[in-house]
Amino acid sequence: MPERPNETWSMDFMADQLADGRSIRTLNVLDDFNREGLAIEVDFSLPAERVVRALNQRECHELCVSGLAHAGFRYSHALKRSSNIMAK
């Protein structure tokens, strides 16, 4: 358990359906200490590159990496690729 805010963040995805039947997805980033919602991305599709861009825009790349175990290989791979590009 984190002992203070901004020590660790988690990310997760949710899905829902609009009244017209179209599906939407959300990417949620939360502070693990106080459960504050730090970011949310909502769209009909959230491909790996979009997730990486959203995390980089919110400067939560490093803190969210620990949450990738639940997000799957494609996001881990995309974030690692992004880290390599940013380091150059």
PDB file of N, CA and C in Angstrom:
ATOM      1  N   MET A   1       0.823  -1.182   0.000  1.00  0.00           N
ATOM      2  CA  MET A   1       0.000   0.000   0.000  1.00  0.00           C
ATOM      3  C   MET A   1       0.873   1.253   0.000  1.00  0.00           C
ATOM      4  N   PRO A   2       0.537   2.216  -0.834  1.00  0.00           N
ATOM      5  CA  PRO A   2       1.301   3.470  -0.844  1.00  0.00           C
ATOM      6  C   PRO A   2       1.091   4.256   0.457  1.00  0.00           C
ATOM      7  N   GLU A   3       2.100   5.017   0.826  1.00  0.00           N
ATOM      8  CA  GLU A   3       2.043   5.784   2.068  1.00  0.00           C
ATOM      9  C   GLU A   3       1.733   7.253   1.849  1.00  0.00           C
ATOM     10  N   ARG A   4       1.715   7.695   0.583  1.00  0.00           N
ATOM     11  CA  ARG A   4       1.434   9.102   0.285  1.00  0.00           C
ATOM     12  C   ARG A   4       0.905   9.217  -1.148  1.00  0.00           C
ATOM     13  N   PRO A   5       0.253  10.331  -1.469  1.00  0.00           N
ATOM     14  CA  PRO A   5      -0.251  10.540  -2.834  1.00  0.00           C
ATOM     15  C   PRO A   5       0.880  10.536  -3.861  1.00  0.00           C
ATOM     16  N   ASN A   6       0.560  10.123  -5.055  1.00  0.00           N
ATOM     17  CA  ASN A   6       1.474  10.104  -6.204  1.00  0.00           C
ATOM     18  C   ASN A   6       2.635   9.136  -6.053  1.00  0.00           C
ATOM     19  N   GLU A   7       2.541   8.220  -5.130  1.00  0.00           N
ATOM     20  CA  GLU A   7       3.577   7.197  -4.995  1.00  0.00           C
ATOM     21  C   GLU A   7       3.378   6.109  -6.061  1.00  0.00           C
ATOM     22  N   THR A   8       2.155   5.643  -6.195  1.00  0.00           N
ATOM     23  CA  THR A   8       1.811   4.684  -7.257  1.00  0.00           C
ATOM     24  C   THR A   8       0.439   5.023  -7.822  1.00  0.00           C
ATOM     25  N   TRP A   9       0.303   4.790  -9.119  1.00  0.00           N
ATOM     26  CA  TRP A   9      -0.964   4.991  -9.810  1.00  0.00           C
ATOM     27  C   TRP A   9      -1.338   3.684 -10.487  1.00  0.00           C
ATOM     28  N   SER A  10      -2.612   3.496 -10.701  1.00  0.00           N
ATOM     29  CA  SER A  10      -3.103   2.325 -11.423  1.00  0.00           C
ATOM     30  C   SER A  10      -3.920   2.781 -12.626  1.00  0.00           C
ATOM     31  N   MET A  11      -3.937   1.930 -13.628  1.00  0.00           N
ATOM     32  CA  MET A  11      -4.783   2.202 -14.788  1.00  0.00           C
ATOM     33  C   MET A  11      -5.635   0.981 -15.055  1.00  0.00           C
ATOM     34  N   ASP A  12      -6.826   1.234 -15.567  1.00  0.00           N
ATOM     35  CA  ASP A  12      -7.746   0.153 -15.865  1.00  0.00           C
ATOM     36  C   ASP A  12      -8.679   0.605 -16.978  1.00  0.00           C
ATOM     37  N   PHE A  13      -9.308  -0.350 -17.603  1.00  0.00           N
ATOM     38  CA  PHE A  13     -10.247  -0.079 -18.683  1.00  0.00           C
ATOM     39  C   PHE A  13     -11.645  -0.481 -18.246  1.00  0.00           C
ATOM     40  N   MET A  14     -12.614   0.264 -18.732  1.00  0.00           N
ATOM     41  CA  MET A  14     -14.018  -0.081 -18.536  1.00  0.00           C
ATOM     42  C   MET A  14     -14.701   0.024 -19.889  1.00  0.00           C
ATOM     43  N   ALA A  15     -15.815  -0.663 -20.007  1.00  0.00           N
ATOM     44  CA  ALA A  15     -16.594  -0.609 -21.248  1.00  0.00           C
ATOM     45  C   ALA A  15     -18.058  -0.423 -20.893  1.00  0.00           C
ATOM     46  N   ASP A  16     -18.764   0.245 -21.780  1.00  0.00           N
ATOM     47  CA  ASP A  16     -20.194   0.438 -21.609  1.00  0.00           C
ATOM     48  C   ASP A  16     -20.817   0.535 -22.992  1.00  0.00           C
ATOM     49  N   GLN A  17     -22.125   0.614 -23.023  1.00  0.00           N
ATOM     50  CA  GLN A  17     -22.827   0.675 -24.287  1.00  0.00           C
ATOM     51  C   GLN A  17     -23.792   1.856 -24.254  1.00  0.00           C
ATOM     52  N   LEU A  18     -23.804   2.628 -25.340  1.00  0.00           N
ATOM     53  CA  LEU A  18     -24.715   3.757 -25.459  1.00  0.00           C
ATOM     54  C   LEU A  18     -26.126   3.261 -25.781  1.00  0.00           C
ATOM     55  N   ALA A  19     -27.096   4.140 -25.661  1.00  0.00           N
ATOM     56  CA  ALA A  19     -28.490   3.779 -25.933  1.00  0.00           C
ATOM     57  C   ALA A  19     -28.691   3.291 -27.361  1.00  0.00           C
ATOM     58  N   ASP A  20     -27.862   3.781 -28.293  1.00  0.00           N
ATOM     59  CA  ASP A  20     -28.003   3.362 -29.689  1.00  0.00           C
ATOM     60  C   ASP A  20     -27.254   2.057 -29.991  1.00  0.00           C
ATOM     61  N   GLY A  21     -26.663   1.437 -28.955  1.00  0.00           N
ATOM     62  CA  GLY A  21     -26.005   0.148 -29.127  1.00  0.00           C
ATOM     63  C   GLY A  21     -24.509   0.213 -29.359  1.00  0.00           C
ATOM     64  N   ARG A  22     -23.958   1.404 -29.611  1.00  0.00           N
ATOM     65  CA  ARG A  22     -22.514   1.514 -29.820  1.00  0.00           C
ATOM     66  C   ARG A  22     -21.771   1.353 -28.497  1.00  0.00           C
ATOM     67  N   SER A  23     -20.649   0.654 -28.546  1.00  0.00           N
ATOM     68  CA  SER A  23     -19.835   0.427 -27.356  1.00  0.00           C
ATOM     69  C   SER A  23     -18.818   1.539 -27.195  1.00  0.00           C
ATOM     70  N   ILE A  24     -18.554   1.906 -25.951  1.00  0.00           N
ATOM     71  CA  ILE A  24     -17.492   2.865 -25.635  1.00  0.00           C
ATOM     72  C   ILE A  24     -16.543   2.210 -24.649  1.00  0.00           C
ATOM     73  N   ARG A  25     -15.305   2.719 -24.644  1.00  0.00           N
ATOM     74  CA  ARG A  25     -14.289   2.247 -23.696  1.00  0.00           C
ATOM     75  C   ARG A  25     -13.741   3.453 -22.959  1.00  0.00           C
ATOM     76  N   THR A  26     -13.332   3.219 -21.724  1.00  0.00           N
ATOM     77  CA  THR A  26     -12.674   4.272 -20.958  1.00  0.00           C
ATOM     78  C   THR A  26     -11.358   3.743 -20.415  1.00  0.00           C
ATOM     79  N   LEU A  27     -10.376   4.604 -20.366  1.00  0.00           N
ATOM     80  CA  LEU A  27      -9.106   4.347 -19.691  1.00  0.00           C
ATOM     81  C   LEU A  27      -9.117   5.232 -18.458  1.00  0.00           C
ATOM     82  N   ASN A  28      -8.972   4.646 -17.293  1.00  0.00           N
ATOM     83  CA  ASN A  28      -9.015   5.380 -16.031  1.00  0.00           C
ATOM     84  C   ASN A  28      -7.670   5.263 -15.329  1.00  0.00           C
ATOM     85  N   VAL A  29      -7.149   6.382 -14.849  1.00  0.00           N
ATOM     86  CA  VAL A  29      -5.895   6.404 -14.093  1.00  0.00           C
ATOM     87  C   VAL A  29      -6.229   6.922 -12.694  1.00  0.00           C
ATOM     88  N   LEU A  30      -5.876   6.131 -11.680  1.00  0.00           N
ATOM     89  CA  LEU A  30      -6.208   6.464 -10.294  1.00  0.00           C
ATOM     90  C   LEU A  30      -4.966   6.499  -9.427  1.00  0.00           C
ATOM     91  N   ASP A  31      -4.952   7.406  -8.451  1.00  0.00           N
ATOM     92  CA  ASP A  31      -3.916   7.427  -7.436  1.00  0.00           C
ATOM     93  C   ASP A  31      -4.259   6.332  -6.430  1.00  0.00           C
ATOM     94  N   ASP A  32      -3.337   5.400  -6.187  1.00  0.00           N
ATOM     95  CA  ASP A  32      -3.609   4.271  -5.302  1.00  0.00           C
ATOM     96  C   ASP A  32      -3.742   4.668  -3.831  1.00  0.00           C
ATOM     97  N   PHE A  33      -3.195   5.805  -3.438  1.00  0.00           N
ATOM     98  CA  PHE A  33      -3.258   6.225  -2.042  1.00  0.00           C
ATOM     99  C   PHE A  33      -4.649   6.723  -1.672  1.00  0.00           C
ATOM    100  N   ASN A  34      -5.159   7.681  -2.431  1.00  0.00           N
ATOM    101  CA  ASN A  34      -6.437   8.300  -2.075  1.00  0.00           C
ATOM    102  C   ASN A  34      -7.562   7.984  -3.071  1.00  0.00           C
ATOM    103  N   ARG A  35      -7.273   7.134  -4.076  1.00  0.00           N
ATOM    104  CA  ARG A  35      -8.243   6.704  -5.084  1.00  0.00           C
ATOM    105  C   ARG A  35      -8.768   7.869  -5.929  1.00  0.00           C
ATOM    106  N   GLU A  36      -8.000   8.966  -5.978  1.00  0.00           N
ATOM    107  CA  GLU A  36      -8.375  10.118  -6.795  1.00  0.00           C
ATOM    108  C   GLU A  36      -8.279   9.751  -8.276  1.00  0.00           C
ATOM    109  N   GLY A  37      -9.281  10.140  -9.045  1.00  0.00           N
ATOM    110  CA  GLY A  37      -9.248   9.947 -10.488  1.00  0.00           C
ATOM    111  C   GLY A  37      -8.367  11.006 -11.126  1.00  0.00           C
ATOM    112  N   LEU A  38      -7.249  10.578 -11.704  1.00  0.00           N
ATOM    113  CA  LEU A  38      -6.276  11.518 -12.258  1.00  0.00           C
ATOM    114  C   LEU A  38      -6.480  11.766 -13.743  1.00  0.00           C
ATOM    115  N   ALA A  39      -7.020  10.772 -14.445  1.00  0.00           N
ATOM    116  CA  ALA A  39      -7.216  10.916 -15.883  1.00  0.00           C
ATOM    117  C   ALA A  39      -8.276   9.933 -16.342  1.00  0.00           C
ATOM    118  N   ILE A  40      -8.981  10.333 -17.389  1.00  0.00           N
ATOM    119  CA  ILE A  40      -9.924   9.436 -18.040  1.00  0.00           C
ATOM    120  C   ILE A  40      -9.925   9.757 -19.534  1.00  0.00           C
ATOM    121  N   GLU A  41      -9.816   8.721 -20.323  1.00  0.00           N
ATOM    122  CA  GLU A  41      -9.917   8.833 -21.782  1.00  0.00           C
ATOM    123  C   GLU A  41     -11.153   8.044 -22.190  1.00  0.00           C
ATOM    124  N   VAL A  42     -12.011   8.624 -22.980  1.00  0.00           N
ATOM    125  CA  VAL A  42     -13.235   7.958 -23.419  1.00  0.00           C
ATOM    126  C   VAL A  42     -13.302   8.024 -24.936  1.00  0.00           C
ATOM    127  N   ASP A  43     -13.573   6.879 -25.559  1.00  0.00           N
ATOM    128  CA  ASP A  43     -13.713   6.848 -27.012  1.00  0.00           C
ATOM    129  C   ASP A  43     -14.353   5.523 -27.407  1.00  0.00           C
ATOM    130  N   PHE A  44     -14.637   5.398 -28.680  1.00  0.00           N
ATOM    131  CA  PHE A  44     -15.198   4.153 -29.186  1.00  0.00           C
ATOM    132  C   PHE A  44     -14.136   3.074 -29.298  1.00  0.00           C
ATOM    133  N   SER A  45     -12.878   3.490 -29.384  1.00  0.00           N
ATOM    134  CA  SER A  45     -11.758   2.565 -29.478  1.00  0.00           C
ATOM    135  C   SER A  45     -10.556   3.208 -28.803  1.00  0.00           C
ATOM    136  N   LEU A  46      -9.789   2.415 -28.071  1.00  0.00           N
ATOM    137  CA  LEU A  46      -8.582   2.911 -27.412  1.00  0.00           C
ATOM    138  C   LEU A  46      -7.412   1.987 -27.751  1.00  0.00           C
ATOM    139  N   PRO A  47      -6.844   2.139 -28.955  1.00  0.00           N
ATOM    140  CA  PRO A  47      -5.696   1.294 -29.326  1.00  0.00           C
ATOM    141  C   PRO A  47      -4.474   1.641 -28.469  1.00  0.00           C
ATOM    142  N   ALA A  48      -3.502   0.753 -28.479  1.00  0.00           N
ATOM    143  CA  ALA A  48      -2.312   0.894 -27.634  1.00  0.00           C
ATOM    144  C   ALA A  48      -1.622   2.243 -27.821  1.00  0.00           C
ATOM    145  N   GLU A  49      -1.488   2.706 -29.043  1.00  0.00           N
ATOM    146  CA  GLU A  49      -0.805   3.980 -29.291  1.00  0.00           C
ATOM    147  C   GLU A  49      -1.551   5.140 -28.638  1.00  0.00           C
ATOM    148  N   ARG A  50      -2.875   5.082 -28.631  1.00  0.00           N
ATOM    149  CA  ARG A  50      -3.686   6.128 -28.001  1.00  0.00           C
ATOM    150  C   ARG A  50      -3.489   6.104 -26.487  1.00  0.00           C
ATOM    151  N   VAL A  51      -3.404   4.928 -25.909  1.00  0.00           N
ATOM    152  CA  VAL A  51      -3.179   4.791 -24.467  1.00  0.00           C
ATOM    153  C   VAL A  51      -1.821   5.372 -24.104  1.00  0.00           C
ATOM    154  N   VAL A  52      -0.807   5.039 -24.867  1.00  0.00           N
ATOM    155  CA  VAL A  52       0.542   5.561 -24.613  1.00  0.00           C
ATOM    156  C   VAL A  52       0.545   7.079 -24.707  1.00  0.00           C
ATOM    157  N   ARG A  53      -0.092   7.623 -25.731  1.00  0.00           N
ATOM    158  CA  ARG A  53      -0.147   9.083 -25.897  1.00  0.00           C
ATOM    159  C   ARG A  53      -0.850   9.731 -24.699  1.00  0.00           C
ATOM    160  N   ALA A  54      -1.953   9.143 -24.250  1.00  0.00           N
ATOM    161  CA  ALA A  54      -2.686   9.696 -23.112  1.00  0.00           C
ATOM    162  C   ALA A  54      -1.832   9.671 -21.846  1.00  0.00           C
ATOM    163  N   LEU A  55      -1.119   8.583 -21.614  1.00  0.00           N
ATOM    164  CA  LEU A  55      -0.266   8.489 -20.426  1.00  0.00           C
ATOM    165  C   LEU A  55       0.887   9.478 -20.501  1.00  0.00           C
ATOM    166  N   ASN A  56       1.487   9.614 -21.677  1.00  0.00           N
ATOM    167  CA  ASN A  56       2.594  10.554 -21.829  1.00  0.00           C
ATOM    168  C   ASN A  56       2.128  11.996 -21.661  1.00  0.00           C
ATOM    169  N   GLN A  57       0.935  12.326 -22.147  1.00  0.00           N
ATOM    170  CA  GLN A  57       0.411  13.685 -22.008  1.00  0.00           C
ATOM    171  C   GLN A  57       0.182  14.042 -20.547  1.00  0.00           C
ATOM    172  N   ARG A  58      -0.151  13.054 -19.756  1.00  0.00           N
ATOM    173  CA  ARG A  58      -0.431  13.304 -18.344  1.00  0.00           C
ATOM    174  C   ARG A  58       0.790  13.036 -17.469  1.00  0.00           C
ATOM    175  N   GLU A  59       1.919  12.785 -18.105  1.00  0.00           N
ATOM    176  CA  GLU A  59       3.182  12.563 -17.400  1.00  0.00           C
ATOM    177  C   GLU A  59       3.058  11.488 -16.327  1.00  0.00           C
ATOM    178  N   CYS A  60       2.276  10.467 -16.612  1.00  0.00           N
ATOM    179  CA  CYS A  60       2.133   9.392 -15.629  1.00  0.00           C
ATOM    180  C   CYS A  60       2.741   8.105 -16.159  1.00  0.00           C
ATOM    181  N   HIS A  61       3.569   8.207 -17.174  1.00  0.00           N
ATOM    182  CA  HIS A  61       4.166   7.048 -17.815  1.00  0.00           C
ATOM    183  C   HIS A  61       4.873   6.152 -16.809  1.00  0.00           C
ATOM    184  N   GLU A  62       5.785   6.710 -16.026  1.00  0.00           N
ATOM    185  CA  GLU A  62       6.571   5.905 -15.089  1.00  0.00           C
ATOM    186  C   GLU A  62       5.705   5.302 -13.993  1.00  0.00           C
ATOM    187  N   LEU A  63       4.767   6.081 -13.459  1.00  0.00           N
ATOM    188  CA  LEU A  63       3.954   5.597 -12.351  1.00  0.00           C
ATOM    189  C   LEU A  63       2.935   4.559 -12.788  1.00  0.00           C
ATOM    190  N   CYS A  64       2.534   4.588 -14.064  1.00  0.00           N
ATOM    191  CA  CYS A  64       1.509   3.656 -14.532  1.00  0.00           C
ATOM    192  C   CYS A  64       2.083   2.334 -15.019  1.00  0.00           C
ATOM    193  N   VAL A  65       3.369   2.254 -15.223  1.00  0.00           N
ATOM    194  CA  VAL A  65       3.957   1.033 -15.768  1.00  0.00           C
ATOM    195  C   VAL A  65       3.618  -0.172 -14.913  1.00  0.00           C
ATOM    196  N   SER A  66       3.537  -0.002 -13.592  1.00  0.00           N
ATOM    197  CA  SER A  66       3.215  -1.135 -12.722  1.00  0.00           C
ATOM    198  C   SER A  66       1.813  -1.663 -12.978  1.00  0.00           C
ATOM    199  N   GLY A  67       0.925  -0.849 -13.497  1.00  0.00           N
ATOM    200  CA  GLY A  67      -0.432  -1.284 -13.794  1.00  0.00           C
ATOM    201  C   GLY A  67      -0.558  -2.062 -15.081  1.00  0.00           C
ATOM    202  N   LEU A  68       0.512  -2.178 -15.824  1.00  0.00           N
ATOM    203  CA  LEU A  68       0.436  -2.833 -17.132  1.00  0.00           C
ATOM    204  C   LEU A  68       0.298  -4.342 -17.051  1.00  0.00           C
ATOM    205  N   ALA A  69       0.579  -4.911 -15.909  1.00  0.00           N
ATOM    206  CA  ALA A  69       0.427  -6.364 -15.795  1.00  0.00           C
ATOM    207  C   ALA A  69      -1.007  -6.774 -16.103  1.00  0.00           C
ATOM    208  N   HIS A  70      -1.957  -5.910 -15.806  1.00  0.00           N
ATOM    209  CA  HIS A  70      -3.354  -6.208 -16.057  1.00  0.00           C
ATOM    210  C   HIS A  70      -3.792  -5.754 -17.449  1.00  0.00           C
ATOM    211  N   ALA A  71      -3.032  -4.900 -18.061  1.00  0.00           N
ATOM    212  CA  ALA A  71      -3.468  -4.306 -19.327  1.00  0.00           C
ATOM    213  C   ALA A  71      -3.131  -5.172 -20.536  1.00  0.00           C
ATOM    214  N   GLY A  72      -2.177  -6.066 -20.399  1.00  0.00           N
ATOM    215  CA  GLY A  72      -1.862  -6.966 -21.500  1.00  0.00           C
ATOM    216  C   GLY A  72      -0.605  -6.578 -22.244  1.00  0.00           C
ATOM    217  N   PHE A  73      -0.152  -7.508 -23.071  1.00  0.00           N
ATOM    218  CA  PHE A  73       1.124  -7.377 -23.768  1.00  0.00           C
ATOM    219  C   PHE A  73       1.169  -6.179 -24.703  1.00  0.00           C
ATOM    220  N   ARG A  74       0.114  -5.929 -25.460  1.00  0.00           N
ATOM    221  CA  ARG A  74       0.203  -4.875 -26.472  1.00  0.00           C
ATOM    222  C   ARG A  74       0.476  -3.511 -25.858  1.00  0.00           C
ATOM    223  N   TYR A  75      -0.055  -3.239 -24.655  1.00  0.00           N
ATOM    224  CA  TYR A  75       0.199  -1.959 -24.013  1.00  0.00           C
ATOM    225  C   TYR A  75       1.605  -1.924 -23.429  1.00  0.00           C
ATOM    226  N   SER A  76       2.044  -3.022 -22.850  1.00  0.00           N
ATOM    227  CA  SER A  76       3.413  -3.090 -22.337  1.00  0.00           C
ATOM    228  C   SER A  76       4.407  -2.849 -23.458  1.00  0.00           C
ATOM    229  N   HIS A  77       4.188  -3.508 -24.576  1.00  0.00           N
ATOM    230  CA  HIS A  77       5.081  -3.374 -25.725  1.00  0.00           C
ATOM    231  C   HIS A  77       5.065  -1.941 -26.263  1.00  0.00           C
ATOM    232  N   ALA A  78       3.889  -1.360 -26.369  1.00  0.00           N
ATOM    233  CA  ALA A  78       3.782   0.004 -26.894  1.00  0.00           C
ATOM    234  C   ALA A  78       4.443   1.008 -25.957  1.00  0.00           C
ATOM    235  N   LEU A  79       4.297   0.839 -24.649  1.00  0.00           N
ATOM    236  CA  LEU A  79       4.934   1.752 -23.707  1.00  0.00           C
ATOM    237  C   LEU A  79       6.450   1.612 -23.731  1.00  0.00           C
ATOM    238  N   LYS A  80       6.942   0.390 -23.818  1.00  0.00           N
ATOM    239  CA  LYS A  80       8.391   0.192 -23.908  1.00  0.00           C
ATOM    240  C   LYS A  80       8.938   0.835 -25.175  1.00  0.00           C
ATOM    241  N   ARG A  81       8.221   0.669 -26.279  1.00  0.00           N
ATOM    242  CA  ARG A  81       8.628   1.283 -27.547  1.00  0.00           C
ATOM    243  C   ARG A  81       8.643   2.801 -27.410  1.00  0.00           C
ATOM    244  N   SER A  82       7.637   3.359 -26.757  1.00  0.00           N
ATOM    245  CA  SER A  82       7.565   4.799 -26.535  1.00  0.00           C
ATOM    246  C   SER A  82       8.717   5.267 -25.663  1.00  0.00           C
ATOM    247  N   SER A  83       9.045   4.514 -24.616  1.00  0.00           N
ATOM    248  CA  SER A  83      10.160   4.880 -23.730  1.00  0.00           C
ATOM    249  C   SER A  83      11.471   4.918 -24.496  1.00  0.00           C
ATOM    250  N   ASN A  84      11.674   3.970 -25.377  1.00  0.00           N
ATOM    251  CA  ASN A  84      12.902   3.944 -26.167  1.00  0.00           C
ATOM    252  C   ASN A  84      12.985   5.132 -27.097  1.00  0.00           C
ATOM    253  N   ILE A  85      11.876   5.519 -27.683  1.00  0.00           N
ATOM    254  CA  ILE A  85      11.845   6.667 -28.595  1.00  0.00           C
ATOM    255  C   ILE A  85      12.103   7.945 -27.806  1.00  0.00           C
ATOM    256  N   MET A  86      11.470   8.092 -26.634  1.00  0.00           N
ATOM    257  CA  MET A  86      11.624   9.298 -25.831  1.00  0.00           C
ATOM    258  C   MET A  86      13.040   9.437 -25.273  1.00  0.00           C
ATOM    259  N   ALA A  87      13.728   8.316 -25.060  1.00  0.00           N
ATOM    260  CA  ALA A  87      15.076   8.353 -24.499  1.00  0.00           C
ATOM    261  C   ALA A  87      16.110   8.799 -25.522  1.00  0.00           C
ATOM    262  N   LYS A  88      15.780   8.719 -26.800  1.00  0.00           N
ATOM    263  CA  LYS A  88      16.750   9.088 -27.838  1.00  0.00           C
ATOM    264  C   LYS A  88      16.861  10.575 -28.017  1.00  0.00           C
TER     265      LYS A  88
END
